Amino acid sequence: MTYRALRTWAVMTLLACLTLTGCAHVQPPVPLDNQFWDAKEPTIGVAITVLPPPILVLTGNQGILDYAINSGVNSKLSDNVKTWQVRDLDTLPDVIVAKLQAKGYKAKRIDEKVDLNTYKEIKFREGYAAKDLTPIKAKHGVDRLLLVYVTGTGATRSYYSIVPTSAPMAQVGGQGMVVDLADNKLLWFKPFVVTQAAQGEWDEPTYSNLSNAFYQAVDNSRQQMITPFAQ
């Protein structure tokens, strides 16, 4: 991944302003309300996007040479971050389906991971998805799409030139949403960025404390997606 791409990933994650809502606009959170809870007839498809692999992102004011130096200094850490696992996020749709079914809703898992790049972008309207997801209605036989959109996983560390201004922090970012597939209206929208510091020294030989922080961030992210449907 290029220097520009890494910098872009960090900015996009922190702002939670990504593909589905349009990067030129920020979609405010949309709480679940009676429009969702009162309708038990629509079939809800629950899915997750293609999961991005964990990477180390170096942020801050760095020139190209600075970035090259900083990347070299952090190469061992970067290699370790790439070994972290995101499979616990894969089970999110199953848990949410079970919660909804227990409340009497018609919910089913969509096994195929959603690749948002394959859907047409539409003009931004606040309260609506900026990708046309309506083809999912006929493809999977669902009326609404509950989508967990994971935008970035791994760790982040900030620099000013070649001087670190933070310790590495584990991070998971994304968005949860419910989309009415009749017109792409957002019935729920919740961006999240979970940043977790290592407990103890982060730079021991195996980076175990930082790795544990990452899995804590994954679990926190899971709970943020599950809790609204478990209450």
C-alpha atoms as a PDB file:
ATOM      1  CA  MET A   1       0.000   0.000   0.000  1.00  0.00           C
ATOM      2  CA  THR A   2       1.332   3.420  -0.917  1.00  0.00           C
ATOM      3  CA  TYR A   3       2.097   6.325   1.391  1.00  0.00           C
ATOM      4  CA  ARG A   4      -0.866   8.274   0.009  1.00  0.00           C
ATOM      5  CA  ALA A   5      -3.212   5.320   0.488  1.00  0.00           C
ATOM      6  CA  LEU A   6      -2.155   4.835   4.099  1.00  0.00           C
ATOM      7  CA  ARG A   7      -2.651   8.496   4.923  1.00  0.00           C
ATOM      8  CA  THR A   8      -6.054   8.391   3.247  1.00  0.00           C
ATOM      9  CA  TRP A   9      -7.104   5.309   5.263  1.00  0.00           C
ATOM     10  CA  ALA A  10      -6.344   7.079   8.531  1.00  0.00           C
ATOM     11  CA  VAL A  11      -8.213  10.241   7.671  1.00  0.00           C
ATOM     12  CA  MET A  12     -11.206   8.341   6.357  1.00  0.00           C
ATOM     13  CA  THR A  13     -11.420   6.134   9.425  1.00  0.00           C
ATOM     14  CA  LEU A  14     -11.162   8.959  11.913  1.00  0.00           C
ATOM     15  CA  LEU A  15     -13.825  11.018  10.181  1.00  0.00           C
ATOM     16  CA  ALA A  16     -16.110   8.042   9.509  1.00  0.00           C
ATOM     17  CA  CYS A  17     -16.786   9.663   6.138  1.00  0.00           C
ATOM     18  CA  LEU A  18     -16.474   6.829   3.718  1.00  0.00           C
ATOM     19  CA  THR A  19     -17.829   5.114   0.631  1.00  0.00           C
ATOM     20  CA  LEU A  20     -21.406   4.473   1.683  1.00  0.00           C
ATOM     21  CA  THR A  21     -22.226   8.032   2.738  1.00  0.00           C
ATOM     22  CA  GLY A  22     -20.038   9.981   0.347  1.00  0.00           C
ATOM     23  CA  CYS A  23     -16.666  11.475   1.253  1.00  0.00           C
ATOM     24  CA  ALA A  24     -17.717  15.036   0.387  1.00  0.00           C
ATOM     25  CA  HIS A  25     -20.458  14.914   3.020  1.00  0.00           C
ATOM     26  CA  VAL A  26     -20.819  13.650   6.572  1.00  0.00           C
ATOM     27  CA  GLN A  27     -23.962  11.707   7.362  1.00  0.00           C
ATOM     28  CA  PRO A  28     -25.098  12.367  10.966  1.00  0.00           C
ATOM     29  CA  PRO A  29     -26.019   9.350  13.109  1.00  0.00           C
ATOM     30  CA  VAL A  30     -29.569   8.082  12.663  1.00  0.00           C
ATOM     31  CA  PRO A  31     -31.029   6.448  15.790  1.00  0.00           C
ATOM     32  CA  LEU A  32     -33.284   3.419  15.651  1.00  0.00           C
ATOM     33  CA  ASP A  33     -36.881   4.539  16.110  1.00  0.00           C
ATOM     34  CA  ASN A  34     -40.424   3.215  15.876  1.00  0.00           C
ATOM     35  CA  GLN A  35     -40.241   3.135  12.076  1.00  0.00           C
ATOM     36  CA  PHE A  36     -37.899   0.182  12.520  1.00  0.00           C
ATOM     37  CA  TRP A  37     -39.254  -1.436  15.678  1.00  0.00           C
ATOM     38  CA  ASP A  38     -42.948  -1.290  14.720  1.00  0.00           C
ATOM     39  CA  ALA A  39     -42.482  -3.119  11.405  1.00  0.00           C
ATOM     40  CA  LYS A  40     -42.145  -6.878  11.848  1.00  0.00           C
ATOM     41  CA  GLU A  41     -43.304  -7.848   8.361  1.00  0.00           C
ATOM     42  CA  PRO A  42     -40.257  -6.729   6.323  1.00  0.00           C
ATOM     43  CA  THR A  43     -37.501  -9.304   5.927  1.00  0.00           C
ATOM     44  CA  ILE A  44     -34.180  -7.991   7.211  1.00  0.00           C
ATOM     45  CA  GLY A  45     -31.012  -9.230   5.576  1.00  0.00           C
ATOM     46  CA  VAL A  46     -27.972  -8.950   7.829  1.00  0.00           C
ATOM     47  CA  ALA A  47     -24.552  -8.756   6.197  1.00  0.00           C
ATOM     48  CA  ILE A  48     -21.004  -7.559   6.637  1.00  0.00           C
ATOM     49  CA  THR A  49     -18.686  -5.963   4.103  1.00  0.00           C
ATOM     50  CA  VAL A  50     -15.406  -7.372   2.879  1.00  0.00           C
ATOM     51  CA  LEU A  51     -13.100  -7.013   5.883  1.00  0.00           C
ATOM     52  CA  PRO A  52      -9.944  -4.924   5.428  1.00  0.00           C
ATOM     53  CA  PRO A  53      -6.797  -6.643   6.710  1.00  0.00           C
ATOM     54  CA  PRO A  54      -5.076  -5.110   9.741  1.00  0.00           C
ATOM     55  CA  ILE A  55      -2.339  -2.612   8.905  1.00  0.00           C
ATOM     56  CA  LEU A  56      -0.206  -0.091  10.774  1.00  0.00           C
ATOM     57  CA  VAL A  57      -1.028   3.471   9.757  1.00  0.00           C
ATOM     58  CA  LEU A  58       1.485   6.270  10.393  1.00  0.00           C
ATOM     59  CA  THR A  59      -0.294   9.600  10.647  1.00  0.00           C
ATOM     60  CA  GLY A  60       0.750  13.193  11.252  1.00  0.00           C
ATOM     61  CA  ASN A  61       2.894  15.799   9.529  1.00  0.00           C
ATOM     62  CA  GLN A  62       5.422  13.720   7.578  1.00  0.00           C
ATOM     63  CA  GLY A  63       7.196  14.318   4.316  1.00  0.00           C
ATOM     64  CA  ILE A  64       7.904  11.491   1.916  1.00  0.00           C
ATOM     65  CA  LEU A  65      11.413  10.981   3.287  1.00  0.00           C
ATOM     66  CA  ASP A  66      10.118  11.181   6.860  1.00  0.00           C
ATOM     67  CA  TYR A  67       7.538   8.561   6.074  1.00  0.00           C
ATOM     68  CA  ALA A  68      10.124   6.241   4.540  1.00  0.00           C
ATOM     69  CA  ILE A  69      12.278   6.517   7.661  1.00  0.00           C
ATOM     70  CA  ASN A  70       9.332   6.016  10.005  1.00  0.00           C
ATOM     71  CA  SER A  71       8.133   3.012   8.018  1.00  0.00           C
ATOM     72  CA  GLY A  72      11.554   1.414   8.362  1.00  0.00           C
ATOM     73  CA  VAL A  73      11.670   2.045  12.109  1.00  0.00           C
ATOM     74  CA  ASN A  74       8.236   0.463  12.493  1.00  0.00           C
ATOM     75  CA  SER A  75       8.696  -2.407  10.046  1.00  0.00           C
ATOM     76  CA  LYS A  76       8.762  -5.126  12.713  1.00  0.00           C
ATOM     77  CA  LEU A  77       5.619  -3.745  14.329  1.00  0.00           C
ATOM     78  CA  SER A  78       3.938  -3.425  10.948  1.00  0.00           C
ATOM     79  CA  ASP A  79       4.672  -7.074  10.151  1.00  0.00           C
ATOM     80  CA  ASN A  80       3.219  -8.104  13.513  1.00  0.00           C
ATOM     81  CA  VAL A  81       0.032  -6.068  12.988  1.00  0.00           C
ATOM     82  CA  LYS A  82      -0.537  -7.883   9.696  1.00  0.00           C
ATOM     83  CA  THR A  83      -0.800 -11.186  11.626  1.00  0.00           C
ATOM     84  CA  TRP A  84      -3.743  -9.995  13.737  1.00  0.00           C
ATOM     85  CA  GLN A  85      -7.029 -11.747  13.066  1.00  0.00           C
ATOM     86  CA  VAL A  86     -10.406 -10.161  12.275  1.00  0.00           C
ATOM     87  CA  ARG A  87     -12.467 -13.362  12.102  1.00  0.00           C
ATOM     88  CA  ASP A  88     -14.449 -12.431  15.245  1.00  0.00           C
ATOM     89  CA  LEU A  89     -16.060  -9.661  13.198  1.00  0.00           C
ATOM     90  CA  ASP A  90     -17.342 -12.263  10.732  1.00  0.00           C
ATOM     91  CA  THR A  91     -19.733 -13.651  13.331  1.00  0.00           C
ATOM     92  CA  LEU A  92     -21.485 -10.316  13.880  1.00  0.00           C
ATOM     93  CA  PRO A  93     -24.322 -10.946  11.391  1.00  0.00           C
ATOM     94  CA  ASP A  94     -25.162 -14.285  13.036  1.00  0.00           C
ATOM     95  CA  VAL A  95     -25.386 -12.704  16.487  1.00  0.00           C
ATOM     96  CA  ILE A  96     -27.560  -9.825  15.248  1.00  0.00           C
ATOM     97  CA  VAL A  97     -29.857 -12.207  13.334  1.00  0.00           C
ATOM     98  CA  ALA A  98     -30.370 -14.225  16.522  1.00  0.00           C
ATOM     99  CA  LYS A  99     -31.197 -11.072  18.508  1.00  0.00           C
ATOM    100  CA  LEU A 100     -33.755  -9.912  15.949  1.00  0.00           C
ATOM    101  CA  GLN A 101     -35.370 -13.319  15.552  1.00  0.00           C
ATOM    102  CA  ALA A 102     -35.727 -13.588  19.329  1.00  0.00           C
ATOM    103  CA  LYS A 103     -37.773 -10.366  19.187  1.00  0.00           C
ATOM    104  CA  GLY A 104     -40.053 -11.723  16.476  1.00  0.00           C
ATOM    105  CA  TYR A 105     -38.492 -10.070  13.412  1.00  0.00           C
ATOM    106  CA  LYS A 106     -37.935 -11.844  10.111  1.00  0.00           C
ATOM    107  CA  ALA A 107     -34.165 -11.704   9.839  1.00  0.00           C
ATOM    108  CA  LYS A 108     -31.709 -13.803   7.897  1.00  0.00           C
ATOM    109  CA  ARG A 109     -27.991 -13.774   7.324  1.00  0.00           C
ATOM    110  CA  ILE A 110     -26.649 -12.857   3.912  1.00  0.00           C
ATOM    111  CA  ASP A 111     -23.609 -15.119   3.668  1.00  0.00           C
ATOM    112  CA  GLU A 112     -22.014 -13.254   0.788  1.00  0.00           C
ATOM    113  CA  LYS A 113     -19.846 -10.364   1.952  1.00  0.00           C
ATOM    114  CA  VAL A 114     -21.004  -7.063   0.503  1.00  0.00           C
ATOM    115  CA  ASP A 115     -18.490  -5.341  -1.781  1.00  0.00           C
ATOM    116  CA  LEU A 116     -19.655  -1.733  -1.892  1.00  0.00           C
ATOM    117  CA  ASN A 117     -17.383  -0.994  -4.848  1.00  0.00           C
ATOM    118  CA  THR A 118     -19.740  -2.994  -7.048  1.00  0.00           C
ATOM    119  CA  TYR A 119     -22.736  -0.724  -6.352  1.00  0.00           C
ATOM    120  CA  LYS A 120     -23.579   2.474  -8.176  1.00  0.00           C
ATOM    121  CA  GLU A 121     -22.861   5.753  -6.418  1.00  0.00           C
ATOM    122  CA  ILE A 122     -25.786   8.160  -6.234  1.00  0.00           C
ATOM    123  CA  LYS A 123     -26.053  11.838  -5.357  1.00  0.00           C
ATOM    124  CA  PHE A 124     -25.734  12.528  -1.639  1.00  0.00           C
ATOM    125  CA  ARG A 125     -28.961  13.101   0.291  1.00  0.00           C
ATOM    126  CA  GLU A 126     -28.817  13.341   4.044  1.00  0.00           C
ATOM    127  CA  GLY A 127     -30.579  10.348   5.539  1.00  0.00           C
ATOM    128  CA  TYR A 128     -29.991   8.145   2.494  1.00  0.00           C
ATOM    129  CA  ALA A 129     -27.177   5.816   1.465  1.00  0.00           C
ATOM    130  CA  ALA A 130     -24.898   7.187  -1.235  1.00  0.00           C
ATOM    131  CA  LYS A 131     -24.668   3.767  -2.895  1.00  0.00           C
ATOM    132  CA  ASP A 132     -27.669   2.280  -4.645  1.00  0.00           C
ATOM    133  CA  LEU A 133     -28.185  -0.903  -2.640  1.00  0.00           C
ATOM    134  CA  THR A 134     -31.667  -1.632  -3.993  1.00  0.00           C
ATOM    135  CA  PRO A 135     -30.436  -4.570  -6.161  1.00  0.00           C
ATOM    136  CA  ILE A 136     -29.872  -6.509  -2.926  1.00  0.00           C
ATOM    137  CA  LYS A 137     -33.673  -6.637  -2.448  1.00  0.00           C
ATOM    138  CA  ALA A 138     -34.262  -8.960  -5.392  1.00  0.00           C
ATOM    139  CA  LYS A 139     -30.920 -10.748  -5.190  1.00  0.00           C
ATOM    140  CA  HIS A 140     -31.381 -11.947  -1.609  1.00  0.00           C
ATOM    141  CA  GLY A 141     -35.143 -11.639  -1.117  1.00  0.00           C
ATOM    142  CA  VAL A 142     -34.978  -9.030   1.641  1.00  0.00           C
ATOM    143  CA  ASP A 143     -36.722  -5.713   2.248  1.00  0.00           C
ATOM    144  CA  ARG A 144     -34.139  -4.103   4.487  1.00  0.00           C
ATOM    145  CA  LEU A 145     -30.394  -4.451   4.749  1.00  0.00           C
ATOM    146  CA  LEU A 146     -28.656  -4.327   8.110  1.00  0.00           C
ATOM    147  CA  LEU A 147     -25.042  -3.844   7.121  1.00  0.00           C
ATOM    148  CA  VAL A 148     -21.890  -3.804   9.216  1.00  0.00           C
ATOM    149  CA  TYR A 149     -19.355  -1.826   7.201  1.00  0.00           C
ATOM    150  CA  VAL A 150     -15.818  -2.238   8.567  1.00  0.00           C
ATOM    151  CA  THR A 151     -13.605   0.475   7.113  1.00  0.00           C
ATOM    152  CA  GLY A 152     -10.268  -0.126   8.795  1.00  0.00           C
ATOM    153  CA  THR A 153      -8.508  -2.424  11.257  1.00  0.00           C
ATOM    154  CA  GLY A 154      -5.039  -2.489  12.791  1.00  0.00           C
ATOM    155  CA  ALA A 155      -3.062   0.167  14.624  1.00  0.00           C
ATOM    156  CA  THR A 156      -2.180   3.814  14.264  1.00  0.00           C
ATOM    157  CA  ARG A 157       0.789   5.903  15.415  1.00  0.00           C
ATOM    158  CA  SER A 158       1.294   9.619  14.941  1.00  0.00           C
ATOM    159  CA  TYR A 159       4.487  11.448  13.997  1.00  0.00           C
ATOM    160  CA  TYR A 160       5.765  14.947  13.524  1.00  0.00           C
ATOM    161  CA  SER A 161       8.494  14.580  10.920  1.00  0.00           C
ATOM    162  CA  ILE A 162      10.507  11.625  12.300  1.00  0.00           C
ATOM    163  CA  VAL A 163       9.541  12.218  15.933  1.00  0.00           C
ATOM    164  CA  PRO A 164       6.764   9.970  17.303  1.00  0.00           C
ATOM    165  CA  THR A 165       4.015  11.944  19.021  1.00  0.00           C
ATOM    166  CA  SER A 166       2.090   8.914  20.290  1.00  0.00           C
ATOM    167  CA  ALA A 167       2.548   5.289  21.140  1.00  0.00           C
ATOM    168  CA  PRO A 168       0.913   2.851  18.725  1.00  0.00           C
ATOM    169  CA  MET A 169      -2.815   2.443  19.391  1.00  0.00           C
ATOM    170  CA  ALA A 170      -5.016  -0.419  18.240  1.00  0.00           C
ATOM    171  CA  GLN A 171      -7.931   0.751  16.116  1.00  0.00           C
ATOM    172  CA  VAL A 172     -11.088  -0.561  14.467  1.00  0.00           C
ATOM    173  CA  GLY A 173     -13.366   1.756  12.497  1.00  0.00           C
ATOM    174  CA  GLY A 174     -16.570   1.427  10.570  1.00  0.00           C
ATOM    175  CA  GLN A 175     -20.284   2.046  10.340  1.00  0.00           C
ATOM    176  CA  GLY A 176     -23.451   0.157  11.115  1.00  0.00           C
ATOM    177  CA  MET A 177     -26.651   0.881   9.214  1.00  0.00           C
ATOM    178  CA  VAL A 178     -30.114  -0.310   8.287  1.00  0.00           C
ATOM    179  CA  VAL A 179     -31.111   0.579   4.722  1.00  0.00           C
ATOM    180  CA  ASP A 180     -34.658   0.439   3.357  1.00  0.00           C
ATOM    181  CA  LEU A 181     -34.083  -1.276   0.018  1.00  0.00           C
ATOM    182  CA  ALA A 182     -37.121   0.366  -1.539  1.00  0.00           C
ATOM    183  CA  ASP A 183     -35.417   3.759  -1.684  1.00  0.00           C
ATOM    184  CA  ASN A 184     -32.013   3.550   0.105  1.00  0.00           C
ATOM    185  CA  LYS A 185     -33.340   5.445   3.144  1.00  0.00           C
ATOM    186  CA  LEU A 186     -31.247   5.016   6.286  1.00  0.00           C
ATOM    187  CA  LEU A 187     -33.356   3.705   9.163  1.00  0.00           C
ATOM    188  CA  TRP A 188     -30.262   3.488  11.372  1.00  0.00           C
ATOM    189  CA  PHE A 189     -26.755   4.824  10.965  1.00  0.00           C
ATOM    190  CA  LYS A 190     -23.968   4.595  13.542  1.00  0.00           C
ATOM    191  CA  PRO A 191     -20.318   5.398  12.741  1.00  0.00           C
ATOM    192  CA  PHE A 192     -17.716   4.084  15.151  1.00  0.00           C
ATOM    193  CA  VAL A 193     -13.974   4.354  15.697  1.00  0.00           C
ATOM    194  CA  VAL A 194     -12.624   2.332  18.618  1.00  0.00           C
ATOM    195  CA  THR A 195      -9.082   3.204  19.678  1.00  0.00           C
ATOM    196  CA  GLN A 196      -7.469   1.125  22.417  1.00  0.00           C
ATOM    197  CA  ALA A 197      -4.114   1.654  24.139  1.00  0.00           C
ATOM    198  CA  ALA A 198      -1.943  -1.246  25.236  1.00  0.00           C
ATOM    199  CA  GLN A 199      -2.097  -2.075  28.921  1.00  0.00           C
ATOM    200  CA  GLY A 200       1.549  -2.053  29.974  1.00  0.00           C
ATOM    201  CA  GLU A 201       4.510  -1.715  27.618  1.00  0.00           C
ATOM    202  CA  TRP A 202       3.506  -1.826  23.974  1.00  0.00           C
ATOM    203  CA  ASP A 203       6.949  -2.608  22.558  1.00  0.00           C
ATOM    204  CA  GLU A 204       7.823  -5.930  24.178  1.00  0.00           C
ATOM    205  CA  PRO A 205       9.318  -8.428  21.673  1.00  0.00           C
ATOM    206  CA  THR A 206       6.010 -10.033  20.615  1.00  0.00           C
ATOM    207  CA  TYR A 207       3.835  -6.912  20.997  1.00  0.00           C
ATOM    208  CA  SER A 208       1.406  -9.008  23.047  1.00  0.00           C
ATOM    209  CA  ASN A 209      -0.026  -6.057  24.987  1.00  0.00           C
ATOM    210  CA  LEU A 210      -0.771  -4.141  21.805  1.00  0.00           C
ATOM    211  CA  SER A 211      -2.214  -7.269  20.216  1.00  0.00           C
ATOM    212  CA  ASN A 212      -4.497  -7.739  23.221  1.00  0.00           C
ATOM    213  CA  ALA A 213      -5.583  -4.115  22.850  1.00  0.00           C
ATOM    214  CA  PHE A 214      -6.575  -4.823  19.269  1.00  0.00           C
ATOM    215  CA  TYR A 215      -8.795  -7.721  20.243  1.00  0.00           C
ATOM    216  CA  GLN A 216     -10.362  -5.520  22.921  1.00  0.00           C
ATOM    217  CA  ALA A 217     -11.086  -2.961  20.202  1.00  0.00           C
ATOM    218  CA  VAL A 218     -12.629  -5.686  18.037  1.00  0.00           C
ATOM    219  CA  ASP A 219     -14.843  -6.789  20.922  1.00  0.00           C
ATOM    220  CA  ASN A 220     -15.853  -3.184  21.668  1.00  0.00           C
ATOM    221  CA  SER A 221     -16.765  -2.718  18.006  1.00  0.00           C
ATOM    222  CA  ARG A 222     -18.854  -5.890  18.066  1.00  0.00           C
ATOM    223  CA  GLN A 223     -20.758  -4.701  21.113  1.00  0.00           C
ATOM    224  CA  GLN A 224     -21.497  -1.336  19.515  1.00  0.00           C
ATOM    225  CA  MET A 225     -23.137  -3.146  16.612  1.00  0.00           C
ATOM    226  CA  ILE A 226     -24.984  -5.742  18.713  1.00  0.00           C
ATOM    227  CA  THR A 227     -26.292  -3.623  21.589  1.00  0.00           C
ATOM    228  CA  PRO A 228     -28.896  -1.574  19.662  1.00  0.00           C
ATOM    229  CA  PHE A 229     -30.666  -4.809  18.644  1.00  0.00           C
ATOM    230  CA  ALA A 230     -30.341  -6.556  22.011  1.00  0.00           C
ATOM    231  CA  GLN A 231     -32.194  -4.009  24.132  1.00  0.00           C
END
